[in-house]
N, C-alpha and C. Protein backbone atom coordinates (compact mmCIF):
# COMPACT_ATOMS: atom_id res chain seq x y z
N MET A 1 -7.92 33.46 3.31
CA MET A 1 -8.80 34.59 3.40
C MET A 1 -8.00 35.86 3.07
N THR A 2 -8.57 36.73 2.25
CA THR A 2 -7.89 37.97 1.86
C THR A 2 -8.31 39.12 2.76
N ASN A 3 -7.42 40.11 2.87
CA ASN A 3 -7.70 41.28 3.68
C ASN A 3 -8.34 42.35 2.80
N CYS A 4 -9.60 42.65 3.04
CA CYS A 4 -10.33 43.62 2.23
C CYS A 4 -10.34 45.02 2.85
N THR A 5 -9.78 45.18 4.02
CA THR A 5 -9.86 46.47 4.69
C THR A 5 -8.96 47.52 4.06
N ALA A 6 -7.98 47.14 3.29
CA ALA A 6 -7.09 48.10 2.65
C ALA A 6 -7.74 48.79 1.47
N LYS A 7 -8.85 48.28 1.02
CA LYS A 7 -9.55 48.82 -0.13
C LYS A 7 -10.26 50.13 0.25
N LYS A 8 -10.10 51.16 -0.58
CA LYS A 8 -10.79 52.42 -0.32
C LYS A 8 -12.26 52.29 -0.67
N SER A 9 -13.11 52.72 0.26
CA SER A 9 -14.54 52.62 0.01
C SER A 9 -15.13 53.94 -0.49
N ALA A 10 -14.44 55.05 -0.27
CA ALA A 10 -14.95 56.35 -0.70
C ALA A 10 -14.04 56.94 -1.78
N LYS A 11 -14.64 57.70 -2.66
CA LYS A 11 -13.86 58.34 -3.71
C LYS A 11 -13.11 59.52 -3.11
N SER A 12 -11.96 59.83 -3.70
CA SER A 12 -11.18 60.96 -3.23
C SER A 12 -10.77 61.82 -4.41
N ILE A 13 -10.43 63.06 -4.11
CA ILE A 13 -10.01 64.02 -5.12
C ILE A 13 -8.58 64.44 -4.80
N GLN A 14 -7.73 64.40 -5.81
CA GLN A 14 -6.35 64.84 -5.65
C GLN A 14 -6.24 66.31 -6.04
N PHE A 15 -5.69 67.15 -5.17
CA PHE A 15 -5.46 68.56 -5.46
C PHE A 15 -3.98 68.75 -5.74
N SER A 16 -3.63 69.92 -6.26
CA SER A 16 -2.22 70.27 -6.44
C SER A 16 -1.56 70.29 -5.07
N SER A 17 -0.28 69.99 -5.05
CA SER A 17 0.43 69.99 -3.77
C SER A 17 0.49 71.41 -3.21
N PHE A 18 0.61 71.50 -1.90
CA PHE A 18 0.68 72.79 -1.21
C PHE A 18 1.84 72.72 -0.25
N ASN A 19 2.80 73.63 -0.39
CA ASN A 19 4.02 73.62 0.44
C ASN A 19 4.70 72.25 0.38
N HIS A 20 4.75 71.68 -0.80
CA HIS A 20 5.40 70.38 -1.04
C HIS A 20 4.72 69.23 -0.29
N LYS A 21 3.43 69.38 0.01
CA LYS A 21 2.69 68.32 0.69
C LYS A 21 1.52 67.88 -0.18
N LYS A 22 1.24 66.60 -0.15
CA LYS A 22 0.13 66.03 -0.91
C LYS A 22 -1.19 66.50 -0.29
N VAL A 23 -2.13 66.91 -1.15
CA VAL A 23 -3.44 67.35 -0.68
C VAL A 23 -4.49 66.46 -1.32
N GLU A 24 -5.34 65.88 -0.49
CA GLU A 24 -6.35 64.96 -0.97
C GLU A 24 -7.64 65.18 -0.19
N ALA A 25 -8.77 65.15 -0.89
CA ALA A 25 -10.07 65.25 -0.23
C ALA A 25 -10.76 63.90 -0.33
N SER A 26 -11.32 63.48 0.77
CA SER A 26 -12.03 62.21 0.81
C SER A 26 -13.41 62.45 1.41
N PHE A 27 -14.39 61.76 0.92
CA PHE A 27 -15.75 61.95 1.37
C PHE A 27 -16.23 60.76 2.19
N SER A 28 -15.38 60.32 3.10
CA SER A 28 -15.70 59.15 3.90
C SER A 28 -16.26 59.53 5.28
N GLY A 29 -16.50 60.82 5.51
CA GLY A 29 -17.03 61.25 6.80
C GLY A 29 -15.91 61.59 7.75
N GLY A 30 -16.16 61.49 9.02
CA GLY A 30 -15.15 61.82 10.01
C GLY A 30 -15.09 63.31 10.26
N ALA A 31 -13.93 63.80 10.64
CA ALA A 31 -13.76 65.22 10.94
C ALA A 31 -13.94 66.03 9.66
N ILE A 32 -14.77 67.03 9.74
CA ILE A 32 -15.08 67.85 8.57
C ILE A 32 -14.64 69.28 8.83
N GLY A 33 -13.94 69.87 7.88
CA GLY A 33 -13.49 71.25 7.99
C GLY A 33 -14.06 72.09 6.87
N THR A 34 -14.03 73.39 7.02
CA THR A 34 -14.58 74.28 6.00
C THR A 34 -13.52 74.80 5.05
N ASP A 35 -12.26 74.45 5.26
CA ASP A 35 -11.20 74.96 4.40
C ASP A 35 -11.16 74.28 3.03
N GLY A 36 -11.96 73.27 2.83
CA GLY A 36 -12.00 72.59 1.54
C GLY A 36 -12.41 73.51 0.41
N GLY A 37 -13.21 74.51 0.72
CA GLY A 37 -13.62 75.47 -0.29
C GLY A 37 -12.45 76.26 -0.84
N LEU A 38 -11.50 76.58 0.03
CA LEU A 38 -10.30 77.29 -0.42
C LEU A 38 -9.49 76.44 -1.38
N LEU A 39 -9.38 75.15 -1.09
CA LEU A 39 -8.63 74.25 -1.98
C LEU A 39 -9.31 74.15 -3.33
N LEU A 40 -10.63 74.01 -3.31
CA LEU A 40 -11.37 73.90 -4.56
C LEU A 40 -11.26 75.20 -5.36
N LEU A 41 -11.41 76.33 -4.69
CA LEU A 41 -11.29 77.62 -5.35
C LEU A 41 -9.90 77.81 -5.96
N ARG A 42 -8.87 77.39 -5.23
CA ARG A 42 -7.49 77.50 -5.73
C ARG A 42 -7.31 76.65 -6.98
N GLU A 43 -7.86 75.44 -6.98
CA GLU A 43 -7.74 74.56 -8.15
C GLU A 43 -8.46 75.14 -9.36
N VAL A 44 -9.67 75.64 -9.15
CA VAL A 44 -10.43 76.23 -10.26
C VAL A 44 -9.68 77.43 -10.82
N ASP A 45 -9.15 78.26 -9.93
CA ASP A 45 -8.41 79.44 -10.37
C ASP A 45 -7.15 79.05 -11.15
N LYS A 46 -6.45 78.01 -10.69
CA LYS A 46 -5.25 77.56 -11.39
C LYS A 46 -5.58 77.01 -12.77
N LYS A 47 -6.64 76.23 -12.86
CA LYS A 47 -7.00 75.60 -14.13
C LYS A 47 -7.55 76.62 -15.14
N LEU A 48 -8.45 77.49 -14.69
CA LEU A 48 -9.10 78.43 -15.59
C LEU A 48 -8.38 79.78 -15.68
N LYS A 49 -7.41 79.99 -14.77
CA LYS A 49 -6.65 81.25 -14.72
C LYS A 49 -7.57 82.46 -14.62
N LEU A 50 -8.58 82.34 -13.77
CA LEU A 50 -9.59 83.39 -13.65
C LEU A 50 -9.00 84.72 -13.18
N THR A 51 -8.27 84.70 -12.07
CA THR A 51 -7.75 85.98 -11.55
C THR A 51 -6.72 86.59 -12.50
N LYS A 52 -5.95 85.77 -13.17
CA LYS A 52 -4.98 86.31 -14.15
C LYS A 52 -5.71 86.94 -15.32
N ARG A 53 -6.80 86.31 -15.76
CA ARG A 53 -7.56 86.85 -16.88
C ARG A 53 -8.27 88.14 -16.50
N ILE A 54 -8.82 88.18 -15.28
CA ILE A 54 -9.47 89.41 -14.82
C ILE A 54 -8.43 90.50 -14.64
N ARG A 55 -7.28 90.14 -14.08
CA ARG A 55 -6.20 91.11 -13.85
C ARG A 55 -5.75 91.77 -15.15
N SER A 56 -5.80 91.03 -16.25
CA SER A 56 -5.32 91.55 -17.53
C SER A 56 -6.13 92.74 -18.04
N VAL A 57 -7.34 92.95 -17.55
CA VAL A 57 -8.15 94.08 -18.02
C VAL A 57 -7.90 95.34 -17.20
N PHE A 58 -7.17 95.22 -16.08
CA PHE A 58 -6.85 96.37 -15.25
C PHE A 58 -5.57 97.05 -15.73
N ILE A 59 -5.57 98.36 -15.69
CA ILE A 59 -4.36 99.12 -15.96
C ILE A 59 -3.91 99.69 -14.62
N ASP A 60 -2.76 99.24 -14.16
CA ASP A 60 -2.24 99.65 -12.85
C ASP A 60 -1.26 100.80 -13.05
N LYS A 61 -1.70 102.00 -12.69
CA LYS A 61 -0.86 103.19 -12.87
C LYS A 61 -0.14 103.58 -11.59
N ARG A 62 -0.14 102.69 -10.60
CA ARG A 62 0.54 103.01 -9.35
C ARG A 62 2.05 102.93 -9.54
N HIS A 63 2.77 103.71 -8.77
CA HIS A 63 4.23 103.70 -8.82
C HIS A 63 4.73 102.44 -8.12
N LEU A 64 5.61 101.68 -8.74
CA LEU A 64 6.06 100.39 -8.21
C LEU A 64 6.65 100.48 -6.80
N SER A 65 7.28 101.57 -6.48
CA SER A 65 7.90 101.67 -5.16
C SER A 65 6.87 101.83 -4.04
N TYR A 66 5.63 102.15 -4.38
CA TYR A 66 4.59 102.32 -3.38
C TYR A 66 3.63 101.13 -3.28
N ILE A 67 3.87 100.10 -4.06
CA ILE A 67 2.94 98.98 -4.12
C ILE A 67 3.32 97.90 -3.10
N ASP A 68 2.37 97.57 -2.22
CA ASP A 68 2.54 96.46 -1.28
C ASP A 68 1.78 95.23 -1.76
N HIS A 69 0.67 95.45 -2.46
CA HIS A 69 -0.20 94.35 -2.89
C HIS A 69 -0.44 94.45 -4.39
N THR A 70 -0.27 93.33 -5.07
CA THR A 70 -0.51 93.31 -6.52
C THR A 70 -2.01 93.30 -6.80
N ILE A 71 -2.37 93.71 -8.00
CA ILE A 71 -3.78 93.67 -8.41
C ILE A 71 -4.29 92.23 -8.35
N GLU A 72 -3.48 91.29 -8.84
CA GLU A 72 -3.90 89.89 -8.83
C GLU A 72 -4.11 89.38 -7.41
N GLY A 73 -3.21 89.75 -6.50
CA GLY A 73 -3.36 89.34 -5.11
C GLY A 73 -4.62 89.91 -4.48
N MET A 74 -4.91 91.17 -4.77
CA MET A 74 -6.13 91.79 -4.24
C MET A 74 -7.37 91.15 -4.83
N LEU A 75 -7.33 90.77 -6.11
CA LEU A 75 -8.46 90.10 -6.73
C LEU A 75 -8.72 88.74 -6.08
N LYS A 76 -7.65 87.98 -5.81
CA LYS A 76 -7.80 86.68 -5.17
C LYS A 76 -8.45 86.84 -3.80
N ARG A 77 -8.01 87.84 -3.04
CA ARG A 77 -8.58 88.10 -1.72
C ARG A 77 -10.05 88.49 -1.83
N LEU A 78 -10.37 89.33 -2.81
CA LEU A 78 -11.75 89.75 -3.02
C LEU A 78 -12.65 88.56 -3.35
N VAL A 79 -12.19 87.70 -4.25
CA VAL A 79 -12.99 86.52 -4.62
C VAL A 79 -13.23 85.64 -3.40
N LYS A 80 -12.21 85.43 -2.57
CA LYS A 80 -12.37 84.63 -1.37
C LYS A 80 -13.35 85.27 -0.41
N ASN A 81 -13.30 86.59 -0.28
CA ASN A 81 -14.24 87.29 0.59
C ASN A 81 -15.67 87.18 0.08
N ILE A 82 -15.84 87.33 -1.25
CA ILE A 82 -17.17 87.22 -1.84
C ILE A 82 -17.74 85.82 -1.62
N CYS A 83 -16.88 84.83 -1.71
CA CYS A 83 -17.32 83.44 -1.51
C CYS A 83 -17.56 83.11 -0.04
N GLY A 84 -17.20 84.05 0.84
CA GLY A 84 -17.43 83.83 2.27
C GLY A 84 -16.41 82.91 2.90
N LEU A 85 -15.23 82.79 2.30
CA LEU A 85 -14.21 81.90 2.83
C LEU A 85 -13.32 82.64 3.81
N ASP A 86 -13.03 82.01 4.92
CA ASP A 86 -12.22 82.61 5.97
C ASP A 86 -10.77 82.67 5.55
N LEU A 87 -10.17 83.83 5.64
CA LEU A 87 -8.77 83.99 5.27
C LEU A 87 -7.84 84.01 6.46
N GLY A 88 -8.39 83.94 7.65
CA GLY A 88 -7.57 83.90 8.85
C GLY A 88 -7.08 85.20 9.36
């Protein structure tokens, strides 16, 4: 008799690693969190380079010594806020 329990029954999605850790989404139920939207948004942004492309149309005339936040960083935060994702 063979052991069939090792077989995956649900499909999973592999995301880019985060802090050198493997990230995977599975739709098999169980504990559900809302942070999956952040992972999906990060993947879409990495693949399509959306924030980098949007950032390229801005002209930043601020003095470098006074800058704490980059235009790209602020755009990423804005997109997450618009999407209603919790940033902590």
